């Protein structure tokens, strides 16, 4: 396979050729040689990779003898969890000599190929990646007859618009603050990228820590992680209203997705009226705009407006769930009613731990009795 190197994957043998290009000879009875980060990535050895990352925070940016990063080896080994690990460690998701995406879309196991491709593309790996021979990621996916991956590539911008496949749009992502004033980021020179990455990671959960870091370095609010996510976007897709609101007040840009999460109906209407294409906007990790009506408090009025303006009621959120699934699990009756009136599938199925889960099944699991009764009245099945 293109650009692969041969190395001995079983340790304790003699000699051992590490992925980094080093050769270590083990004599009989000597202690096994611990795998380097490249071997750990290829084998899916999360414990070893985590150990090495603690010793070297820049581990994801190391290069093997042939110029590849640990992420390349993780994809080649077929380990989606390792792909995610290196993403949050700050890996370049489009790093040369050939983008890891090219190996992901061409992986022989379709399920793993999809999972790895999705992880890369939804964190802004370049969908137009191509090999030196000119073959693109889309060419490779089509050659494998991976229709779902081909559609995902087109959705993320691999080629021009194709009928039936919605392309993402980010025209309003960095244009305005929460009050509609033009957004102007501050100069981030001198602010280490690893520091920005850590800030964005914390913005997924730790409100107090994020506020503390902002006091130390207010410019963090304008920083973007290497996986193309800002702190306010992390807070928004996690449904952390208080933190997203705090960051917005600090001057962070407020996209259509974030304005929806915050319940800023006037801002949402203004953004869409100015640029109707922003109903195709996606938040961090490719989360659909309509999903933000359910991530914190329910936003039925905004949902009704967005769907009337052309947003897709069938667009999926993180974990491939529909907005109706999200509303069902939280007991958001008003929002569920709006979604169904706009054509949401009351029996849409999502896979969770091997099971087919409908919105009704999600409501039952969450003990949302009123929601379960409502969905049954609309034809819902568990």
Protein backbone atom coordinates (compact mmCIF):
# COMPACT_ATOMS: atom_id res chain seq x y z
CA UNK A 1 0.00 0.00 0.00
CA UNK A 2 1.14 3.53 -0.81
CA UNK A 3 3.75 5.07 1.53
CA UNK A 4 3.74 2.18 4.02
CA UNK A 5 6.85 1.13 5.89
CA UNK A 6 7.50 -2.35 7.20
CA UNK A 7 8.23 -2.79 10.86
CA UNK A 8 8.02 -5.60 13.37
CA UNK A 9 4.85 -5.13 15.41
CA UNK A 10 5.58 -7.82 17.99
CA UNK A 11 8.00 -6.68 20.64
CA UNK A 12 10.47 -8.86 22.45
CA UNK A 13 11.84 -10.22 19.17
CA UNK A 14 15.26 -9.54 17.72
CA UNK A 15 15.74 -7.21 15.93
CA UNK A 16 12.89 -4.68 16.37
CA UNK A 17 12.51 -2.02 13.68
CA UNK A 18 10.59 0.89 15.14
CA UNK A 19 8.24 2.94 13.01
CA UNK A 20 10.44 5.95 13.66
CA UNK A 21 13.18 4.23 11.68
CA UNK A 22 15.34 3.18 14.65
CA UNK A 23 16.53 -0.41 14.90
CA UNK A 24 16.90 -1.96 18.36
CA UNK A 25 18.32 -5.42 18.93
CA UNK A 26 16.98 -7.47 21.81
CA UNK A 27 19.13 -10.26 23.13
CA UNK A 28 17.53 -13.35 24.61
CA UNK A 29 16.23 -12.68 28.09
CA UNK A 30 16.47 -8.89 27.83
CA UNK A 31 13.53 -6.67 28.64
CA UNK A 32 11.13 -5.93 25.75
CA UNK A 33 11.59 -2.61 23.98
CA UNK A 34 8.66 -0.30 24.72
CA UNK A 35 6.89 0.79 21.55
CA UNK A 36 7.44 4.29 20.26
CA UNK A 37 4.51 6.57 19.47
CA UNK A 38 4.31 5.41 15.86
CA UNK A 39 4.03 1.76 16.80
CA UNK A 40 1.56 2.57 19.56
CA UNK A 41 -0.58 4.46 17.05
CA UNK A 42 -0.49 1.65 14.49
CA UNK A 43 -1.37 -0.99 17.07
CA UNK A 44 -4.04 1.04 18.80
CA UNK A 45 -2.14 0.96 22.08
CA UNK A 46 -3.97 3.78 23.85
CA UNK A 47 -2.26 3.22 27.20
CA UNK A 48 1.20 3.63 25.68
CA UNK A 49 0.16 6.61 23.55
CA UNK A 50 -1.30 8.32 26.61
CA UNK A 51 1.88 7.64 28.58
CA UNK A 52 4.03 9.16 25.85
CA UNK A 53 1.72 12.16 25.45
CA UNK A 54 2.20 12.99 29.14
CA UNK A 55 5.95 13.02 28.59
CA UNK A 56 5.77 15.08 25.40
CA UNK A 57 2.74 17.36 24.83
CA UNK A 58 3.84 17.82 21.21
CA UNK A 59 3.68 14.08 20.56
CA UNK A 60 1.08 14.38 17.79
CA UNK A 61 3.41 16.55 15.72
CA UNK A 62 6.39 14.19 15.69
CA UNK A 63 7.50 12.79 12.34
CA UNK A 64 8.71 9.31 11.42
CA UNK A 65 11.70 8.74 9.16
CA UNK A 66 9.50 9.03 6.08
CA UNK A 67 7.81 12.20 7.29
CA UNK A 68 4.53 10.82 8.59
CA UNK A 69 2.86 11.73 11.88
CA UNK A 70 1.42 9.36 14.49
CA UNK A 71 -2.01 10.13 13.03
CA UNK A 72 -0.95 8.58 9.73
CA UNK A 73 -0.06 5.35 11.55
CA UNK A 74 -3.30 5.37 13.55
CA UNK A 75 -5.33 5.58 10.34
CA UNK A 76 -3.22 2.95 8.62
CA UNK A 77 -3.81 0.62 11.58
CA UNK A 78 -7.56 1.27 11.44
CA UNK A 79 -8.10 2.75 14.93
CA UNK A 80 -10.85 5.43 15.06
CA UNK A 81 -10.37 5.97 18.80
CA UNK A 82 -6.70 6.69 18.19
CA UNK A 83 -7.62 9.15 15.44
CA UNK A 84 -9.72 11.05 18.00
CA UNK A 85 -6.89 10.88 20.53
CA UNK A 86 -4.38 12.51 18.19
CA UNK A 87 -6.95 15.08 17.10
CA UNK A 88 -7.32 16.45 20.63
CA UNK A 89 -3.54 16.24 21.04
CA UNK A 90 -3.26 18.85 18.31
CA UNK A 91 -2.46 16.76 15.24
CA UNK A 92 -2.50 18.34 11.80
CA UNK A 93 -5.46 16.50 10.26
CA UNK A 94 -4.29 17.22 6.73
CA UNK A 95 -0.57 16.67 7.27
CA UNK A 96 1.64 15.50 4.42
CA UNK A 97 3.35 13.79 2.79
CA UNK A 98 -0.17 12.53 2.02
CA UNK A 99 -3.22 13.52 4.05
CA UNK A 100 -4.33 10.83 6.52
CA UNK A 101 -7.79 11.23 4.99
CA UNK A 102 -6.59 9.47 1.83
CA UNK A 103 -5.79 6.33 3.80
CA UNK A 104 -8.99 6.59 5.81
CA UNK A 105 -11.35 6.71 2.82
CA UNK A 106 -9.47 3.81 1.19
CA UNK A 107 -9.42 1.55 4.27
CA UNK A 108 -10.67 -1.95 3.34
CA UNK A 109 -13.05 -2.24 6.32
CA UNK A 110 -16.01 -0.03 5.35
CA UNK A 111 -17.25 0.63 8.89
CA UNK A 112 -13.81 1.72 10.10
CA UNK A 113 -13.25 3.72 6.93
CA UNK A 114 -16.45 5.65 7.59
CA UNK A 115 -15.71 6.21 11.26
CA UNK A 116 -12.19 7.48 10.60
CA UNK A 117 -13.23 9.61 7.61
CA UNK A 118 -16.04 11.13 9.63
CA UNK A 119 -13.71 11.93 12.54
CA UNK A 120 -11.27 13.68 10.20
CA UNK A 121 -13.75 15.53 8.01
CA UNK A 122 -15.93 16.72 10.88
CA UNK A 123 -12.85 18.32 12.41
CA UNK A 124 -11.89 20.15 9.21
CA UNK A 125 -9.48 17.79 7.44
CA UNK A 126 -9.23 19.02 3.84
CA UNK A 127 -11.89 17.16 1.79
CA UNK A 128 -10.05 18.00 -1.43
CA UNK A 129 -6.93 16.03 -0.46
CA UNK A 130 -5.24 14.24 -3.34
CA UNK A 131 -2.36 11.85 -3.98
CA UNK A 132 0.66 12.76 -6.11
CA UNK A 133 -0.89 10.78 -8.95
CA UNK A 134 -3.87 13.14 -8.88
CA UNK A 135 -6.42 10.76 -7.34
CA UNK A 136 -8.58 12.57 -4.80
CA UNK A 137 -10.16 11.32 -1.62
CA UNK A 138 -13.47 11.31 -3.49
CA UNK A 139 -11.96 9.20 -6.29
CA UNK A 140 -10.74 6.66 -3.75
CA UNK A 141 -14.07 6.48 -1.91
CA UNK A 142 -15.95 5.99 -5.17
CA UNK A 143 -13.53 3.29 -6.27
CA UNK A 144 -14.33 1.43 -3.04
CA UNK A 145 -18.05 2.06 -3.68
CA UNK A 146 -18.33 3.75 -0.30
CA UNK A 147 -21.37 5.86 -1.15
CA UNK A 148 -21.79 7.22 2.38
CA UNK A 149 -18.18 8.43 2.52
CA UNK A 150 -18.49 9.92 -0.97
CA UNK A 151 -21.57 11.87 0.14
CA UNK A 152 -19.80 13.03 3.28
CA UNK A 153 -16.85 14.29 1.23
CA UNK A 154 -19.16 16.22 -1.08
CA UNK A 155 -21.07 17.56 1.91
CA UNK A 156 -17.82 18.88 3.37
CA UNK A 157 -16.80 20.53 0.07
CA UNK A 158 -14.81 17.97 -1.92
CA UNK A 159 -16.44 19.08 -5.16
CA UNK A 160 -19.05 21.41 -6.54
CA UNK A 161 -22.66 21.19 -5.44
CA UNK A 162 -24.33 17.91 -6.30
CA UNK A 163 -28.13 17.54 -6.35
CA UNK A 164 -29.48 15.84 -3.25
CA UNK A 165 -26.38 16.44 -1.10
CA UNK A 166 -26.31 19.47 1.17
CA UNK A 167 -22.99 21.30 1.25
CA UNK A 168 -21.84 23.01 4.42
CA UNK A 169 -21.72 26.77 4.53
CA UNK A 170 -19.84 29.02 6.93
CA UNK A 171 -20.49 32.50 5.54
CA UNK A 172 -21.70 33.95 8.84
CA UNK A 173 -19.43 32.02 11.20
CA UNK A 174 -16.96 34.81 12.01
CA UNK A 175 -18.79 37.93 10.88
CA UNK A 176 -20.56 39.35 13.93
CA UNK A 177 -20.59 39.44 17.70
CA UNK A 178 -23.73 38.81 19.77
CA UNK A 179 -24.99 42.37 19.18
CA UNK A 180 -24.55 42.30 15.42
CA UNK A 181 -21.38 44.36 15.40
CA UNK A 182 -18.64 43.28 12.95
CA UNK A 183 -16.38 40.78 14.62
CA UNK A 184 -12.70 41.73 14.77
CA UNK A 185 -10.38 39.17 16.39
CA UNK A 186 -7.44 40.29 18.46
CA UNK A 187 -3.85 39.52 17.64
CA UNK A 188 -2.96 36.09 19.04
CA UNK A 189 0.80 36.40 18.53
CA UNK A 190 2.61 34.98 21.54
CA UNK A 191 -0.31 32.80 22.60
CA UNK A 192 0.89 29.18 22.20
CA UNK A 193 -1.33 26.93 20.10
CA UNK A 194 -1.17 24.23 22.76
CA UNK A 195 -2.58 26.74 25.25
CA UNK A 196 -5.44 27.56 22.87
CA UNK A 197 -6.13 23.85 22.35
CA UNK A 198 -6.31 23.29 26.10
CA UNK A 199 -8.69 26.23 26.49
CA UNK A 200 -11.03 24.84 23.84
CA UNK A 201 -10.88 21.35 25.37
CA UNK A 202 -11.87 22.80 28.75
CA UNK A 203 -14.71 24.78 27.16
CA UNK A 204 -16.49 21.47 26.57
CA UNK A 205 -17.10 21.00 30.29
CA UNK A 206 -15.18 23.11 32.82
CA UNK A 207 -16.88 26.50 33.17
CA UNK A 208 -14.86 27.68 36.16
CA UNK A 209 -11.51 26.78 34.65
CA UNK A 210 -12.35 28.53 31.40
CA UNK A 211 -13.32 31.72 33.25
CA UNK A 212 -10.05 31.54 35.20
CA UNK A 213 -7.96 31.21 32.03
CA UNK A 214 -9.79 34.12 30.43
CA UNK A 215 -8.73 36.35 33.32
CA UNK A 216 -5.12 35.32 32.68
CA UNK A 217 -5.30 35.65 28.88
CA UNK A 218 -8.46 37.35 27.56
CA UNK A 219 -7.34 36.81 23.94
CA UNK A 220 -8.05 33.10 24.35
CA UNK A 221 -11.67 33.86 23.51
CA UNK A 222 -10.55 34.53 19.92
CA UNK A 223 -8.38 31.41 19.54
CA UNK A 224 -9.17 28.39 17.38
CA UNK A 225 -8.01 24.88 18.19
CA UNK A 226 -6.11 22.88 15.60
CA UNK A 227 -9.33 20.90 14.98
CA UNK A 228 -11.04 24.16 13.88
CA UNK A 229 -13.15 24.91 16.96
CA UNK A 230 -13.40 27.98 19.18
CA UNK A 231 -14.20 27.92 22.88
CA UNK A 232 -17.65 29.41 22.32
CA UNK A 233 -18.40 26.74 19.72
CA UNK A 234 -17.36 24.00 22.13
CA UNK A 235 -19.62 25.40 24.84
CA UNK A 236 -22.48 25.77 22.36
CA UNK A 237 -22.50 22.22 21.04
CA UNK A 238 -22.24 20.89 24.61
CA UNK A 239 -25.33 22.89 25.52
CA UNK A 240 -23.45 24.98 28.08
CA UNK A 241 -25.62 28.08 27.82
CA UNK A 242 -23.97 29.95 30.72
CA UNK A 243 -20.47 29.49 29.34
CA UNK A 244 -21.41 30.24 25.72
CA UNK A 245 -23.16 33.41 26.92
CA UNK A 246 -20.12 34.39 28.98
CA UNK A 247 -17.78 33.95 26.01
CA UNK A 248 -20.14 35.89 23.76
CA UNK A 249 -20.05 38.78 26.23
CA UNK A 250 -16.24 38.59 26.10
CA UNK A 251 -16.43 39.35 22.38
CA UNK A 252 -16.33 35.91 20.74
CA UNK A 253 -18.01 35.66 17.33
CA UNK A 254 -21.61 34.46 17.39
CA UNK A 255 -22.46 32.27 14.42
CA UNK A 256 -25.98 31.29 13.41
CA UNK A 257 -25.55 28.06 15.41
CA UNK A 258 -24.41 29.86 18.55
CA UNK A 259 -27.12 32.54 18.23
CA UNK A 260 -29.68 29.71 18.03
CA UNK A 261 -28.28 28.04 21.15
CA UNK A 262 -28.40 31.35 23.03
CA UNK A 263 -31.99 31.99 21.95
CA UNK A 264 -31.10 35.23 20.13
CA UNK A 265 -34.06 35.05 17.76
CA UNK A 266 -33.58 38.54 16.33
CA UNK A 267 -29.94 37.79 15.51
CA UNK A 268 -30.87 34.48 13.86
CA UNK A 269 -33.53 36.17 11.74
CA UNK A 270 -31.13 38.95 10.78
CA UNK A 271 -28.38 36.52 9.78
CA UNK A 272 -30.72 34.38 7.67
CA UNK A 273 -32.46 37.33 6.05
CA UNK A 274 -29.09 38.81 5.10
CA UNK A 275 -27.70 35.50 3.84
CA UNK A 276 -30.28 32.70 3.29
CA UNK A 277 -27.49 30.17 2.64
CA UNK A 278 -26.57 30.20 6.33
CA UNK A 279 -29.43 27.75 7.05
CA UNK A 280 -26.81 25.23 5.86
CA UNK A 281 -24.37 26.34 8.55
CA UNK A 282 -22.83 23.64 10.71
CA UNK A 283 -21.38 23.98 14.15
CA UNK A 284 -18.30 22.26 15.55
CA UNK A 285 -17.89 18.64 14.47
CA UNK A 286 -20.44 19.15 11.66
CA UNK A 287 -23.42 19.43 14.02
CA UNK A 288 -26.46 20.63 12.06
CA UNK A 289 -27.87 24.10 12.72
CA UNK A 290 -31.34 22.81 13.60
CA UNK A 291 -29.85 20.65 16.39
CA UNK A 292 -28.93 23.81 18.30
CA UNK A 293 -32.63 24.39 18.98
CA UNK A 294 -32.43 21.41 21.38
CA UNK A 295 -28.93 21.49 22.87
CA UNK A 296 -29.71 23.81 25.80
CA UNK A 297 -33.20 25.17 26.32
CA UNK A 298 -35.72 24.29 23.62
CA UNK A 299 -36.08 26.96 20.92
CA UNK A 300 -39.36 26.13 19.11
CA UNK A 301 -39.85 29.60 17.60
CA UNK A 302 -36.34 29.65 16.15
CA UNK A 303 -36.78 26.09 14.89
CA UNK A 304 -40.00 27.05 13.13
CA UNK A 305 -38.29 30.02 11.50
CA UNK A 306 -35.20 28.07 10.40
CA UNK A 307 -37.19 25.18 8.96
CA UNK A 308 -39.46 27.60 7.15
CA UNK A 309 -36.34 29.27 5.73
CA UNK A 310 -35.03 26.00 4.31
CA UNK A 311 -33.03 24.31 7.07
CA UNK A 312 -33.27 20.52 6.88
CA UNK A 313 -35.37 18.86 9.56
CA UNK A 314 -33.57 15.60 8.79
CA UNK A 315 -30.03 16.93 9.39
CA UNK A 316 -28.16 15.02 12.07
CA UNK A 317 -26.27 16.04 15.18
CA UNK A 318 -23.22 14.49 16.85
CA UNK A 319 -23.79 10.74 17.23
CA UNK A 320 -25.96 10.82 14.09
CA UNK A 321 -29.14 11.57 16.06
CA UNK A 322 -31.91 13.78 14.69
CA UNK A 323 -33.10 16.88 16.49
CA UNK A 324 -36.30 14.98 17.25
CA UNK A 325 -34.19 12.38 19.13
CA UNK A 326 -32.65 15.20 21.16
CA UNK A 327 -36.02 16.77 21.89
CA UNK A 328 -37.49 13.39 22.85
CA UNK A 329 -34.71 12.65 25.33
CA UNK A 330 -35.16 16.03 27.02
CA UNK A 331 -38.94 16.11 27.01
CA UNK A 332 -39.11 19.21 24.77
CA UNK A 333 -42.74 18.84 23.68
CA UNK A 334 -43.13 22.21 21.95
CA UNK A 335 -40.00 21.67 19.89
CA UNK A 336 -40.99 18.11 18.99
CA UNK A 337 -44.35 19.38 17.77
CA UNK A 338 -42.67 21.97 15.54
CA UNK A 339 -40.26 19.38 14.11
CA UNK A 340 -43.04 16.94 13.28
CA UNK A 341 -45.12 19.66 11.62
CA UNK A 342 -42.13 20.32 9.37
CA UNK A 343 -41.83 16.68 8.35
CA UNK A 344 -39.51 15.09 10.90
CA UNK A 345 -39.60 11.29 10.81
CA UNK A 346 -41.24 10.18 14.05
CA UNK A 347 -39.59 6.76 13.63
CA UNK A 348 -36.13 7.86 12.50
CA UNK A 349 -33.55 5.29 13.59
CA UNK A 350 -30.09 5.83 14.99
CA UNK A 351 -27.63 3.14 16.05
CA UNK A 352 -26.56 3.28 19.69
CA UNK A 353 -24.44 0.47 21.09
CA UNK A 354 -25.71 -1.84 18.38
CA UNK A 355 -29.39 -1.08 18.96
CA UNK A 356 -31.82 0.71 16.67
CA UNK A 357 -33.12 3.69 18.63
CA UNK A 358 -36.16 5.77 17.65
CA UNK A 359 -37.23 9.06 19.28
CA UNK A 360 -39.87 7.14 21.26
CA UNK A 361 -37.27 4.67 22.51
CA UNK A 362 -35.11 7.60 23.59
CA UNK A 363 -38.03 9.21 25.44
CA UNK A 364 -38.81 5.95 27.23
CA UNK A 365 -35.19 5.47 28.24
CA UNK A 366 -35.05 9.04 29.59
CA UNK A 367 -38.35 8.48 31.45
CA UNK A 368 -39.99 11.33 29.60
CA UNK A 369 -43.52 9.97 29.97
CA UNK A 370 -45.40 12.92 28.46
CA UNK A 371 -43.08 12.91 25.46
CA UNK A 372 -43.54 9.16 25.03
CA UNK A 373 -47.31 9.57 25.08
CA UNK A 374 -47.07 12.43 22.56
CA UNK A 375 -44.87 10.47 20.16
CA UNK A 376 -47.14 7.43 20.34
CA UNK A 377 -50.06 9.67 19.39
CA UNK A 378 -48.08 10.64 16.28
CA UNK A 379 -47.38 7.04 15.29
CA UNK A 380 -44.08 6.63 17.12
CA UNK A 381 -42.72 3.15 17.74
CA UNK A 382 -40.09 2.08 20.22
